[in-house]
Amino acid sequence: MPVPMDAFDDVRPATACLDLLPGPVAAALRDWRGPVPVDEIRYVDTDPAIADTELLVGHYGPWLLEQSANCVVVAGKRAGETHLAACVVLSTTRVDVNGVVRRHLGARKASFAPMDTAVGDSGMEYGGITPIGLPAAWPLLVDAAVADAPYLLIGSGSRRGKLIVPGKALAGLPGATVLEGLGVHA
């Protein structure tokens, strides 16, 4: 079931809201070459105070949890070097950092990246990081369930606002690899 756009007060094409998005996200949308037309990506203006998934679900209703995805930044370490990657999983799951992610990155150890690193290196706000506009050098790991979703609500790069994006658009982002089992149920 697609995200019901009428559940939100203000839904617009994301390209009409570039001034509300962080630089890297706006640039990625401006230069969009994804597997779906850029006009299928929508911007939802939301209150930054309820940016976290749990608060959004409490405000809009439990249906939102099933139709949302989270993007988290992980750090994989091997031989004294650290490499960052982004992982996108359904909000009903958690990232399998020490299994799927660690193995895929060939890291001896993997963990969530420190907040200042995730924010500083992505150019986005903590709690709003989105896979659209991430640094090109970062691997982007997308759970197969995300890729298969018709539409999902994700971060916009800022705590203010969300994006509604087809799952296949996320799977088709530069550097994206679709992985089974990236998101696991807690």
Protein backbone atom coordinates (compact mmCIF):
# COMPACT_ATOMS: atom_id res chain seq x y z
CA MET A 1 0.00 0.00 0.00
CA PRO A 2 1.48 3.38 -0.90
CA VAL A 3 1.97 6.12 1.66
CA PRO A 4 -1.38 7.98 1.83
CA MET A 5 -0.31 11.45 0.80
CA ASP A 6 -3.58 12.94 2.03
CA ALA A 7 -2.52 12.03 5.59
CA PHE A 8 -0.16 15.02 5.51
CA ASP A 9 -1.07 18.70 5.35
CA ASP A 10 1.67 19.76 2.94
CA VAL A 11 2.92 17.37 0.22
CA ARG A 12 4.75 18.86 -2.76
CA PRO A 13 7.16 17.68 -5.43
CA ALA A 14 10.59 17.58 -3.80
CA THR A 15 12.04 19.63 -6.65
CA ALA A 16 9.70 22.47 -5.66
CA CYS A 17 11.24 22.48 -2.17
CA LEU A 18 14.97 22.50 -2.90
CA ASP A 19 15.40 25.61 -0.72
CA LEU A 20 14.16 23.58 2.29
CA LEU A 21 16.68 20.76 1.77
CA PRO A 22 20.35 20.56 2.74
CA GLY A 23 22.78 21.26 -0.11
CA PRO A 24 23.75 17.65 -0.89
CA VAL A 25 20.10 16.52 -1.06
CA ALA A 26 19.03 19.48 -3.20
CA ALA A 27 21.97 18.90 -5.57
CA ALA A 28 21.13 15.18 -5.91
CA LEU A 29 17.52 15.99 -6.78
CA ARG A 30 18.55 18.75 -9.20
CA ASP A 31 20.90 16.33 -10.99
CA TRP A 32 18.59 13.29 -10.65
CA ARG A 33 19.35 10.37 -12.98
CA GLY A 34 17.50 7.70 -10.99
CA PRO A 35 15.36 4.79 -12.15
CA VAL A 36 12.12 6.74 -11.63
CA PRO A 37 11.26 10.29 -12.69
CA VAL A 38 12.29 12.85 -10.07
CA ASP A 39 8.71 14.13 -9.93
CA GLU A 40 7.72 10.86 -8.19
CA ILE A 41 9.71 12.03 -5.15
CA ARG A 42 7.61 14.16 -2.82
CA TYR A 43 8.47 16.45 0.08
CA VAL A 44 6.34 16.47 3.24
CA ASP A 45 6.72 19.45 5.54
CA THR A 46 6.82 18.16 9.12
CA ASP A 47 7.59 19.57 12.54
CA PRO A 48 11.28 19.02 13.43
CA ALA A 49 10.24 18.26 17.01
CA ILE A 50 8.62 15.02 15.81
CA ALA A 51 11.27 13.96 13.28
CA ASP A 52 12.09 10.68 15.03
CA THR A 53 10.11 7.69 13.76
CA GLU A 54 8.48 6.92 17.10
CA LEU A 55 7.23 10.49 17.46
CA LEU A 56 6.00 10.63 13.86
CA VAL A 57 4.09 7.39 14.34
CA GLY A 58 2.57 8.78 17.54
CA HIS A 59 1.44 11.89 15.66
CA TYR A 60 0.23 10.42 12.35
CA GLY A 61 -0.74 6.88 13.38
CA PRO A 62 0.64 3.34 13.46
CA TRP A 63 0.26 2.87 9.68
CA LEU A 64 3.31 5.10 9.26
CA LEU A 65 5.68 2.63 10.92
CA GLU A 66 5.01 0.04 8.20
CA GLN A 67 5.61 2.60 5.45
CA SER A 68 8.79 4.26 6.67
CA ALA A 69 12.48 3.52 6.29
CA ASN A 70 15.50 4.71 8.23
CA CYS A 71 18.96 5.54 6.93
CA VAL A 72 21.84 5.02 9.35
CA VAL A 73 25.55 5.60 8.90
CA VAL A 74 27.92 2.84 9.94
CA ALA A 75 31.69 2.72 10.30
CA GLY A 76 33.55 -0.40 9.24
CA LYS A 77 37.10 -0.82 10.55
CA ARG A 78 39.89 -3.00 9.24
CA ALA A 79 43.67 -2.69 9.53
CA GLY A 80 43.43 0.68 11.26
CA GLU A 81 41.28 2.22 8.53
CA THR A 82 37.66 3.30 8.91
CA HIS A 83 35.21 3.38 6.03
CA LEU A 84 31.71 4.84 6.23
CA ALA A 85 28.62 3.34 4.62
CA ALA A 86 24.91 4.07 4.77
CA CYS A 87 22.23 1.46 5.38
CA VAL A 88 18.53 1.79 4.60
CA VAL A 89 16.09 -0.54 6.33
CA LEU A 90 12.38 -0.54 7.09
CA SER A 91 11.50 1.24 10.32
CA THR A 92 10.12 -2.02 11.69
CA THR A 93 13.62 -3.53 11.60
CA ARG A 94 17.12 -2.75 12.77
CA VAL A 95 20.35 -2.86 10.76
CA ASP A 96 22.34 -6.10 11.09
CA VAL A 97 25.56 -4.16 11.70
CA ASN A 98 27.70 -7.01 13.06
CA GLY A 99 26.49 -9.57 10.53
CA VAL A 100 25.43 -8.49 7.05
CA VAL A 101 27.06 -5.03 7.14
CA ARG A 102 30.38 -6.15 8.61
CA ARG A 103 30.70 -9.02 6.12
CA HIS A 104 29.68 -6.91 3.13
CA LEU A 105 32.23 -4.22 4.00
CA GLY A 106 34.95 -6.78 4.71
CA ALA A 107 35.45 -5.14 8.11
CA ARG A 108 36.78 -6.76 11.26
CA LYS A 109 34.49 -4.50 13.28
CA ALA A 110 31.44 -2.44 12.38
CA SER A 111 29.40 -0.05 14.48
CA PHE A 112 27.15 2.95 14.12
CA ALA A 113 29.23 5.97 13.13
CA PRO A 114 29.61 8.69 15.76
CA MET A 115 27.00 11.42 15.38
CA ASP A 116 29.54 14.16 14.61
CA THR A 117 31.09 12.01 11.87
CA ALA A 118 27.74 11.06 10.32
CA VAL A 119 26.55 14.67 10.33
CA GLY A 120 29.85 16.27 9.33
CA ASP A 121 30.64 13.89 6.49
CA SER A 122 27.09 13.71 5.09
CA GLY A 123 26.24 17.42 5.30
CA MET A 124 22.88 16.45 6.80
CA GLU A 125 21.21 16.72 10.20
CA TYR A 126 21.23 13.88 12.70
CA GLY A 127 17.79 12.30 12.75
CA GLY A 128 17.15 13.31 9.15
CA ILE A 129 19.94 11.63 7.20
CA THR A 130 18.69 10.37 3.86
CA PRO A 131 20.31 8.13 1.23
CA ILE A 132 19.69 10.79 -1.43
CA GLY A 133 22.75 13.03 -1.69
CA LEU A 134 25.20 11.02 0.42
CA PRO A 135 28.91 11.18 -0.46
CA ALA A 136 29.63 9.18 -3.63
CA ALA A 137 32.46 7.27 -1.93
CA TRP A 138 30.09 5.70 0.61
CA PRO A 139 28.62 2.30 -0.15
CA LEU A 140 24.84 2.44 0.14
CA LEU A 141 23.31 -0.78 1.45
CA VAL A 142 19.57 -1.12 0.86
CA ASP A 143 17.49 -3.89 2.39
CA ALA A 144 15.57 -5.90 -0.23
CA ALA A 145 12.28 -5.10 1.53
CA VAL A 146 13.01 -1.38 1.05
CA ALA A 147 13.74 -1.89 -2.65
CA ASP A 148 10.44 -3.78 -3.04
CA ALA A 149 8.27 -1.17 -1.31
CA PRO A 150 6.03 0.92 -3.58
CA TYR A 151 6.69 4.11 -1.57
CA LEU A 152 8.37 4.87 1.75
CA LEU A 153 8.67 7.88 4.00
CA ILE A 154 12.35 8.66 4.64
CA GLY A 155 14.44 11.52 5.98
CA SER A 156 15.00 14.63 3.89
CA GLY A 157 18.51 15.39 5.16
CA SER A 158 16.98 17.72 7.72
CA ARG A 159 14.85 17.14 10.79
CA ARG A 160 12.27 19.38 9.15
CA GLY A 161 10.49 17.49 6.43
CA LYS A 162 10.43 13.99 4.99
CA LEU A 163 10.61 12.55 1.52
CA ILE A 164 8.15 10.06 0.02
CA VAL A 165 10.18 7.91 -2.36
CA PRO A 166 9.55 4.74 -4.39
CA GLY A 167 11.63 1.84 -3.07
CA LYS A 168 13.08 1.20 -6.53
CA ALA A 169 14.41 4.78 -6.55
CA LEU A 170 16.38 4.03 -3.39
CA ALA A 171 17.69 0.76 -4.84
CA GLY A 172 18.81 2.62 -7.97
CA LEU A 173 20.81 5.35 -6.22
CA PRO A 174 24.52 5.60 -7.12
CA GLY A 175 26.58 3.08 -5.16
CA ALA A 176 23.51 1.16 -3.95
CA THR A 177 23.63 -2.57 -3.29
CA VAL A 178 20.41 -4.39 -2.42
CA LEU A 179 20.94 -6.99 0.30
CA GLU A 180 18.61 -9.62 1.72
CA GLY A 181 18.58 -9.66 5.52
CA LEU A 182 20.14 -6.21 6.03
CA GLY A 183 17.16 -5.30 8.20
CA VAL A 184 16.36 -7.76 10.96
CA HIS A 185 13.45 -7.81 13.38
CA ALA A 186 14.47 -7.06 16.94
